[in-house]
């Protein structure tokens, strides 16, 4: 199989496994205990916290480990103090769903899927301290949001900015201006089950998970040491070189076939290609690629199997059922991309031949 679904999850990097596995097989003590079996895991958690803080650009004490980016997003929206909540229309479901439940106002986006800054400025001018949640990079289209410009507007209005940076790890540097930042491990070659919410200096956070006093009282529950070790390791590793060139080769082949490439007028993640073929449903393209041994997707893995159209494409004014996402990562090779280009050509050619035969029969 040729795996082109890294935005859903990535295979663990060897460096991650080397560091994390001993905390499953040998050093399995509870890091919060006080005996000898706890010292190794406790030191590993401390190291991971330092690594996450270094990537985020915050103090280690301001890193709150969670069970994943979804929990970190919920913790930010429910745990920070605000009077009004503003979220972009293209946020990941783990932000959009709780935000709507909390009565959030939706910030519209442009046709390229980035925040409409004029609309955001108008919303911020309304009374009440706002918490604004805008993702760093869209998981479907790969579009990078103008976080610096968003931050300037939010700070100017006296608000708080939460940034979901789950898709940046292992690919690009973290944004430099934020009040709360969500990170994920398994998108970057880490293990599933670990995320973190980084906080600005002195920012108060109401715990949403009560019990023990772990994470300085901000998130109860025993730390998943192997997963947290993997998160820290993954964020400390350099980005894989050459991924953008491989993505561009795939984009070239798709363009020759008549694909419409999404969000080309804005900066995108270097590993992400989102496209559509007029008249061919995205699900049909993904199913055809799967039969050819190529793993892609139609969008967020959280919506797989669901009948709902893509809220991201809908917000951008596009066809919510036509998108195909192909995302590359640290194991992707040029040979695999050439095979994927051939598979895509075969799939699209077959669909068009069948469509032509059907039109002739009619």
Protein backbone atom coordinates (compact mmCIF):
# COMPACT_ATOMS: atom_id res chain seq x y z
CA UNK A 1 0.00 0.00 0.00
CA UNK A 2 1.07 3.57 -0.76
CA UNK A 3 0.02 5.66 2.23
CA UNK A 4 -1.03 9.23 1.40
CA UNK A 5 -3.18 10.03 4.43
CA UNK A 6 -0.67 11.57 6.85
CA UNK A 7 -3.08 14.32 7.87
CA UNK A 8 -5.24 11.59 9.43
CA UNK A 9 -2.34 9.89 11.17
CA UNK A 10 1.27 9.00 10.46
CA UNK A 11 3.36 5.89 11.03
CA UNK A 12 5.49 6.26 14.18
CA UNK A 13 9.00 7.45 13.45
CA UNK A 14 11.81 5.03 14.45
CA UNK A 15 13.24 7.59 16.87
CA UNK A 16 9.86 7.76 18.61
CA UNK A 17 9.59 4.01 19.00
CA UNK A 18 13.14 3.74 20.29
CA UNK A 19 12.39 6.20 23.07
CA UNK A 20 8.78 5.27 23.85
CA UNK A 21 8.71 1.45 23.82
CA UNK A 22 10.90 1.00 26.96
CA UNK A 23 8.20 2.82 28.94
CA UNK A 24 5.78 0.06 27.92
CA UNK A 25 8.03 -2.96 28.41
CA UNK A 26 10.44 -1.96 31.18
CA UNK A 27 9.93 1.41 32.85
CA UNK A 28 6.17 1.18 33.28
CA UNK A 29 5.92 2.88 36.67
CA UNK A 30 3.53 5.72 37.45
CA UNK A 31 5.46 8.99 37.07
CA UNK A 32 3.51 10.50 39.98
CA UNK A 33 4.68 7.87 42.47
CA UNK A 34 7.62 8.44 44.82
CA UNK A 35 9.51 5.14 44.61
CA UNK A 36 12.34 4.01 42.34
CA UNK A 37 10.09 2.69 39.56
CA UNK A 38 8.68 6.19 39.12
CA UNK A 39 11.93 8.06 38.64
CA UNK A 40 12.61 6.97 35.06
CA UNK A 41 9.07 7.71 33.80
CA UNK A 42 9.01 11.03 35.70
CA UNK A 43 12.29 12.11 34.10
CA UNK A 44 10.97 11.10 30.67
CA UNK A 45 7.82 13.18 31.15
CA UNK A 46 9.94 16.15 32.21
CA UNK A 47 12.09 15.80 29.10
CA UNK A 48 9.00 15.54 26.89
CA UNK A 49 7.52 18.64 28.51
CA UNK A 50 10.73 20.54 27.79
CA UNK A 51 10.66 19.40 24.15
CA UNK A 52 7.02 20.39 23.65
CA UNK A 53 7.66 23.77 25.29
CA UNK A 54 10.67 24.36 23.04
CA UNK A 55 8.59 23.71 19.92
CA UNK A 56 5.65 25.82 21.12
CA UNK A 57 7.79 28.67 22.42
CA UNK A 58 6.57 28.66 26.02
CA UNK A 59 7.75 27.68 29.49
CA UNK A 60 7.64 23.96 30.35
CA UNK A 61 5.34 24.68 33.31
CA UNK A 62 2.80 26.08 30.84
CA UNK A 63 2.45 22.80 28.92
CA UNK A 64 -0.63 20.75 29.89
CA UNK A 65 -0.51 17.18 28.60
CA UNK A 66 -3.80 15.71 27.38
CA UNK A 67 -5.00 12.51 25.72
CA UNK A 68 -4.91 14.18 22.30
CA UNK A 69 -5.62 17.34 20.34
CA UNK A 70 -9.39 16.92 20.72
CA UNK A 71 -9.15 17.09 24.51
CA UNK A 72 -6.72 20.01 24.30
CA UNK A 73 -9.15 21.93 22.08
CA UNK A 74 -12.05 21.29 24.46
CA UNK A 75 -9.88 22.35 27.40
CA UNK A 76 -9.03 25.63 25.69
CA UNK A 77 -12.61 26.50 24.75
CA UNK A 78 -14.14 25.46 28.07
CA UNK A 79 -11.27 26.29 30.41
CA UNK A 80 -10.31 29.83 29.38
CA UNK A 81 -12.27 32.88 30.53
CA UNK A 82 -14.22 34.70 27.82
CA UNK A 83 -17.47 36.56 27.23
CA UNK A 84 -17.79 35.84 23.51
CA UNK A 85 -16.44 32.93 21.49
CA UNK A 86 -15.45 33.35 17.83
CA UNK A 87 -14.29 30.42 15.69
CA UNK A 88 -13.55 30.16 11.98
CA UNK A 89 -15.93 28.29 9.72
CA UNK A 90 -13.25 25.78 8.67
CA UNK A 91 -12.13 24.59 12.11
CA UNK A 92 -11.62 20.90 12.86
CA UNK A 93 -14.78 19.25 14.29
CA UNK A 94 -13.06 19.02 17.69
CA UNK A 95 -13.21 22.83 17.83
CA UNK A 96 -16.35 23.52 15.82
CA UNK A 97 -18.65 21.09 17.65
CA UNK A 98 -17.93 22.27 21.21
CA UNK A 99 -17.81 25.88 20.05
CA UNK A 100 -21.30 25.68 18.57
CA UNK A 101 -22.51 23.99 21.75
CA UNK A 102 -21.12 26.96 23.68
CA UNK A 103 -22.93 29.47 21.46
CA UNK A 104 -19.99 30.58 19.33
CA UNK A 105 -20.15 33.05 16.47
CA UNK A 106 -18.70 31.76 13.19
CA UNK A 107 -16.02 33.78 11.40
CA UNK A 108 -16.46 33.49 7.61
CA UNK A 109 -13.61 32.53 5.30
CA UNK A 110 -12.60 33.43 1.77
CA UNK A 111 -12.89 31.18 -1.27
CA UNK A 112 -9.35 29.99 -0.52
CA UNK A 113 -10.33 28.93 2.98
CA UNK A 114 -8.58 31.57 5.08
CA UNK A 115 -10.19 33.82 7.68
CA UNK A 116 -11.92 36.92 6.36
CA UNK A 117 -9.94 39.51 8.34
CA UNK A 118 -12.42 42.31 7.66
CA UNK A 119 -15.26 40.21 9.06
CA UNK A 120 -13.14 39.24 12.07
CA UNK A 121 -12.31 42.88 12.80
CA UNK A 122 -16.01 43.77 12.73
CA UNK A 123 -16.86 40.91 15.10
CA UNK A 124 -14.10 41.93 17.50
CA UNK A 125 -15.49 45.48 17.62
CA UNK A 126 -18.60 44.22 19.41
CA UNK A 127 -18.66 44.45 23.23
CA UNK A 128 -17.36 41.65 25.45
CA UNK A 129 -13.93 40.03 25.74
CA UNK A 130 -13.58 37.48 22.96
CA UNK A 131 -11.78 34.16 22.74
CA UNK A 132 -10.92 33.59 19.08
CA UNK A 133 -10.05 30.09 17.88
CA UNK A 134 -8.38 29.81 14.48
CA UNK A 135 -6.43 26.76 13.31
CA UNK A 136 -2.87 27.18 12.06
CA UNK A 137 -3.36 24.89 9.06
CA UNK A 138 -6.50 23.29 7.70
CA UNK A 139 -6.50 19.51 7.92
CA UNK A 140 -8.44 19.12 4.65
CA UNK A 141 -7.10 21.75 2.27
CA UNK A 142 -3.72 22.41 3.88
CA UNK A 143 -4.37 26.18 3.76
CA UNK A 144 -2.28 28.12 6.29
CA UNK A 145 -4.21 30.74 8.21
CA UNK A 146 -2.77 34.28 8.57
CA UNK A 147 -2.15 33.78 12.29
CA UNK A 148 0.05 36.85 12.71
CA UNK A 149 -2.65 39.09 11.22
CA UNK A 150 -5.37 37.38 13.26
CA UNK A 151 -3.28 37.76 16.43
CA UNK A 152 -2.78 41.47 15.79
CA UNK A 153 -6.53 42.04 15.51
CA UNK A 154 -7.31 39.92 18.57
CA UNK A 155 -4.65 41.56 20.73
CA UNK A 156 -5.77 45.00 19.57
CA UNK A 157 -9.29 44.22 20.74
CA UNK A 158 -8.11 42.88 24.10
CA UNK A 159 -9.12 39.31 23.32
CA UNK A 160 -7.47 35.89 23.60
CA UNK A 161 -6.30 33.72 20.70
CA UNK A 162 -6.40 29.92 20.67
CA UNK A 163 -4.58 28.23 17.78
CA UNK A 164 -5.08 24.57 16.88
CA UNK A 165 -1.65 23.63 15.51
CA UNK A 166 -2.25 19.88 15.31
CA UNK A 167 -1.25 19.75 11.63
CA UNK A 168 1.98 21.74 11.99
CA UNK A 169 4.07 19.32 14.06
CA UNK A 170 6.84 17.68 12.06
CA UNK A 171 6.15 19.99 9.11
CA UNK A 172 6.47 23.67 9.99
CA UNK A 173 7.43 25.85 12.94
CA UNK A 174 4.83 26.85 15.49
CA UNK A 175 3.24 30.30 15.25
CA UNK A 176 4.85 32.84 17.54
CA UNK A 177 1.83 34.81 18.76
CA UNK A 178 -0.97 33.06 20.65
CA UNK A 179 -2.49 32.68 24.11
CA UNK A 180 -3.24 28.97 23.90
CA UNK A 181 -1.83 26.46 21.42
CA UNK A 182 -2.96 22.88 20.72
CA UNK A 183 -0.45 20.26 19.56
CA UNK A 184 -0.80 16.61 18.55
CA UNK A 185 1.62 13.69 18.49
CA UNK A 186 0.40 11.16 15.96
CA UNK A 187 0.22 13.56 13.01
CA UNK A 188 3.97 14.18 13.39
CA UNK A 189 5.19 10.59 13.66
CA UNK A 190 4.39 10.22 17.35
CA UNK A 191 1.96 7.83 19.02
CA UNK A 192 -1.80 8.16 19.25
CA UNK A 193 -3.14 9.20 22.63
CA UNK A 194 -1.04 12.27 23.38
CA UNK A 195 -1.59 15.97 22.84
CA UNK A 196 -0.94 19.14 24.76
CA UNK A 197 -2.33 22.58 25.37
CA UNK A 198 0.37 25.23 25.72
CA UNK A 199 -0.57 28.39 27.60
CA UNK A 200 0.73 31.93 27.64
CA UNK A 201 2.47 33.17 30.82
CA UNK A 202 0.12 33.48 33.78
CA UNK A 203 -3.00 32.47 31.83
CA UNK A 204 -5.58 30.89 34.13
CA UNK A 205 -7.25 27.65 33.07
CA UNK A 206 -10.28 25.98 34.65
CA UNK A 207 -9.74 22.20 34.75
CA UNK A 208 -12.41 20.19 32.97
CA UNK A 209 -11.22 16.79 34.16
CA UNK A 210 -11.21 16.59 37.95
CA UNK A 211 -9.55 14.08 40.25
CA UNK A 212 -5.83 14.00 40.89
CA UNK A 213 -3.50 16.98 40.95
CA UNK A 214 -1.53 16.05 37.81
CA UNK A 215 -0.53 18.81 35.37
CA UNK A 216 -0.45 21.41 38.17
CA UNK A 217 -4.10 20.76 38.90
CA UNK A 218 -5.20 21.66 35.36
CA UNK A 219 -5.87 18.15 34.04
CA UNK A 220 -6.41 15.12 36.27
CA UNK A 221 -5.36 11.62 35.25
CA UNK A 222 -2.22 9.51 35.06
CA UNK A 223 0.06 10.68 32.28
CA UNK A 224 0.41 8.23 29.37
CA UNK A 225 4.19 8.12 29.52
CA UNK A 226 4.95 6.33 26.21
CA UNK A 227 2.58 8.57 24.26
CA UNK A 228 3.88 11.75 25.89
CA UNK A 229 7.48 10.66 25.27
CA UNK A 230 6.55 10.09 21.62
CA UNK A 231 4.95 13.54 21.40
CA UNK A 232 8.06 15.27 22.72
CA UNK A 233 10.36 13.26 20.51
CA UNK A 234 8.27 13.83 17.37
CA UNK A 235 8.17 17.60 17.86
CA UNK A 236 11.93 17.73 18.47
CA UNK A 237 12.79 16.01 15.17
CA UNK A 238 13.52 18.08 12.04
CA UNK A 239 10.99 18.15 9.23
CA UNK A 240 11.60 15.64 6.45
CA UNK A 241 13.22 17.39 3.46
CA UNK A 242 11.80 17.06 -0.04
CA UNK A 243 8.16 16.47 0.89
CA UNK A 244 6.94 19.63 -0.83
CA UNK A 245 8.67 18.65 -4.09
CA UNK A 246 6.93 15.26 -3.98
CA UNK A 247 3.60 16.97 -3.33
CA UNK A 248 4.19 19.28 -6.29
CA UNK A 249 4.93 16.30 -8.55
CA UNK A 250 1.62 14.76 -7.57
CA UNK A 251 -0.11 18.09 -8.14
CA UNK A 252 1.44 18.34 -11.60
CA UNK A 253 0.08 14.93 -12.58
CA UNK A 254 -3.36 15.78 -11.21
CA UNK A 255 -3.41 19.11 -13.07
CA UNK A 256 -2.64 17.37 -16.36
CA UNK A 257 -5.70 15.20 -15.71
CA UNK A 258 -7.84 18.33 -15.31
CA UNK A 259 -7.99 18.50 -11.51
CA UNK A 260 -8.93 21.68 -9.72
CA UNK A 261 -6.40 22.32 -6.99
CA UNK A 262 -7.73 23.89 -3.79
CA UNK A 263 -6.28 26.95 -2.02
CA UNK A 264 -3.47 27.61 -4.51
CA UNK A 265 -3.69 31.38 -3.96
CA UNK A 266 -2.59 31.06 -0.32
CA UNK A 267 0.23 29.32 1.49
CA UNK A 268 -0.36 25.63 2.17
CA UNK A 269 1.15 22.85 4.22
CA UNK A 270 4.06 21.45 2.22
CA UNK A 271 2.70 17.91 2.45
CA UNK A 272 -0.95 18.46 1.52
CA UNK A 273 -2.72 18.32 -1.85
CA UNK A 274 -6.48 18.88 -1.97
CA UNK A 275 -8.12 18.55 -5.37
CA UNK A 276 -11.32 17.75 -7.20
CA UNK A 277 -12.30 16.45 -10.63
CA UNK A 278 -15.45 18.08 -12.03
CA UNK A 279 -18.20 15.51 -12.44
CA UNK A 280 -16.48 12.82 -10.37
CA UNK A 281 -17.40 12.46 -6.68
CA UNK A 282 -14.47 12.56 -4.30
CA UNK A 283 -15.57 9.28 -2.71
CA UNK A 284 -15.37 7.56 -6.11
CA UNK A 285 -11.81 8.80 -6.65
CA UNK A 286 -10.71 7.66 -3.18
CA UNK A 287 -12.36 4.25 -3.64
CA UNK A 288 -10.67 3.85 -7.03
CA UNK A 289 -7.28 4.75 -5.59
CA UNK A 290 -7.82 2.28 -2.77
CA UNK A 291 -8.34 -0.50 -5.31
CA UNK A 292 -5.04 0.56 -6.86
CA UNK A 293 -3.29 0.32 -3.48
CA UNK A 294 -3.17 4.05 -2.72
CA UNK A 295 -4.58 5.36 0.59
CA UNK A 296 -6.16 8.81 0.36
CA UNK A 297 -9.24 10.43 1.86
CA UNK A 298 -12.06 12.86 1.18
CA UNK A 299 -11.30 14.98 4.24
CA UNK A 300 -11.18 14.74 8.00
CA UNK A 301 -10.75 11.21 9.36
CA UNK A 302 -13.19 12.18 12.12
CA UNK A 303 -15.94 12.22 9.47
CA UNK A 304 -15.07 9.00 7.64
CA UNK A 305 -18.13 6.94 6.85
CA UNK A 306 -20.42 9.88 7.49
CA UNK A 307 -22.84 11.12 4.87
CA UNK A 308 -22.38 14.78 5.74
CA UNK A 309 -20.62 16.96 3.16
CA UNK A 310 -17.38 18.73 4.01
CA UNK A 311 -18.15 21.80 6.09
CA UNK A 312 -14.76 23.19 5.02
CA UNK A 313 -15.53 23.13 1.30
CA UNK A 314 -19.06 24.35 1.98
CA UNK A 315 -17.71 27.37 3.89
CA UNK A 316 -15.40 28.11 0.96
CA UNK A 317 -18.31 28.08 -1.48
CA UNK A 318 -17.16 24.92 -3.26
CA UNK A 319 -18.66 21.50 -3.94
CA UNK A 320 -18.78 19.85 -0.49
CA UNK A 321 -18.78 16.33 -1.96
CA UNK A 322 -16.06 16.59 -4.57
CA UNK A 323 -12.83 16.91 -2.61
CA UNK A 324 -9.93 14.48 -2.41
CA UNK A 325 -7.08 14.92 0.07
CA UNK A 326 -3.67 13.36 -0.51
CA UNK A 327 -1.18 14.04 2.28
CA UNK A 328 2.45 12.96 2.38
CA UNK A 329 4.90 12.39 5.20
CA UNK A 330 8.27 11.23 6.44
CA UNK A 331 8.14 7.79 4.78
CA UNK A 332 6.85 8.92 1.37
CA UNK A 333 9.28 8.19 -1.47
CA UNK A 334 9.58 9.48 -5.02
CA UNK A 335 8.93 5.94 -6.30
CA UNK A 336 5.64 5.84 -4.39
CA UNK A 337 4.60 9.21 -5.80
CA UNK A 338 5.29 8.05 -9.36
CA UNK A 339 3.15 4.96 -8.72
CA UNK A 340 0.43 7.13 -7.21
CA UNK A 341 0.49 9.41 -10.27
CA UNK A 342 -0.04 6.36 -12.46
CA UNK A 343 -2.84 5.07 -10.26
CA UNK A 344 -4.60 8.44 -10.31
CA UNK A 345 -4.34 8.55 -14.10
CA UNK A 346 -5.87 5.07 -14.37
CA UNK A 347 -8.71 5.89 -11.97
CA UNK A 348 -9.71 9.14 -13.67
CA UNK A 349 -9.37 7.66 -17.16
CA UNK A 350 -11.65 4.75 -16.26
CA UNK A 351 -14.30 7.04 -14.78
CA UNK A 352 -14.33 9.19 -17.87
CA UNK A 353 -14.51 6.20 -20.19
CA UNK A 354 -17.48 4.80 -18.28
CA UNK A 355 -19.19 8.19 -18.31
CA UNK A 356 -18.65 8.48 -22.06
CA UNK A 357 -20.02 4.99 -22.70
CA UNK A 358 -23.09 5.74 -20.61
CA UNK A 359 -23.72 8.98 -22.49
CA UNK A 360 -23.47 7.13 -25.80
CA UNK A 361 -25.91 4.45 -24.63
CA UNK A 362 -28.41 7.12 -23.66
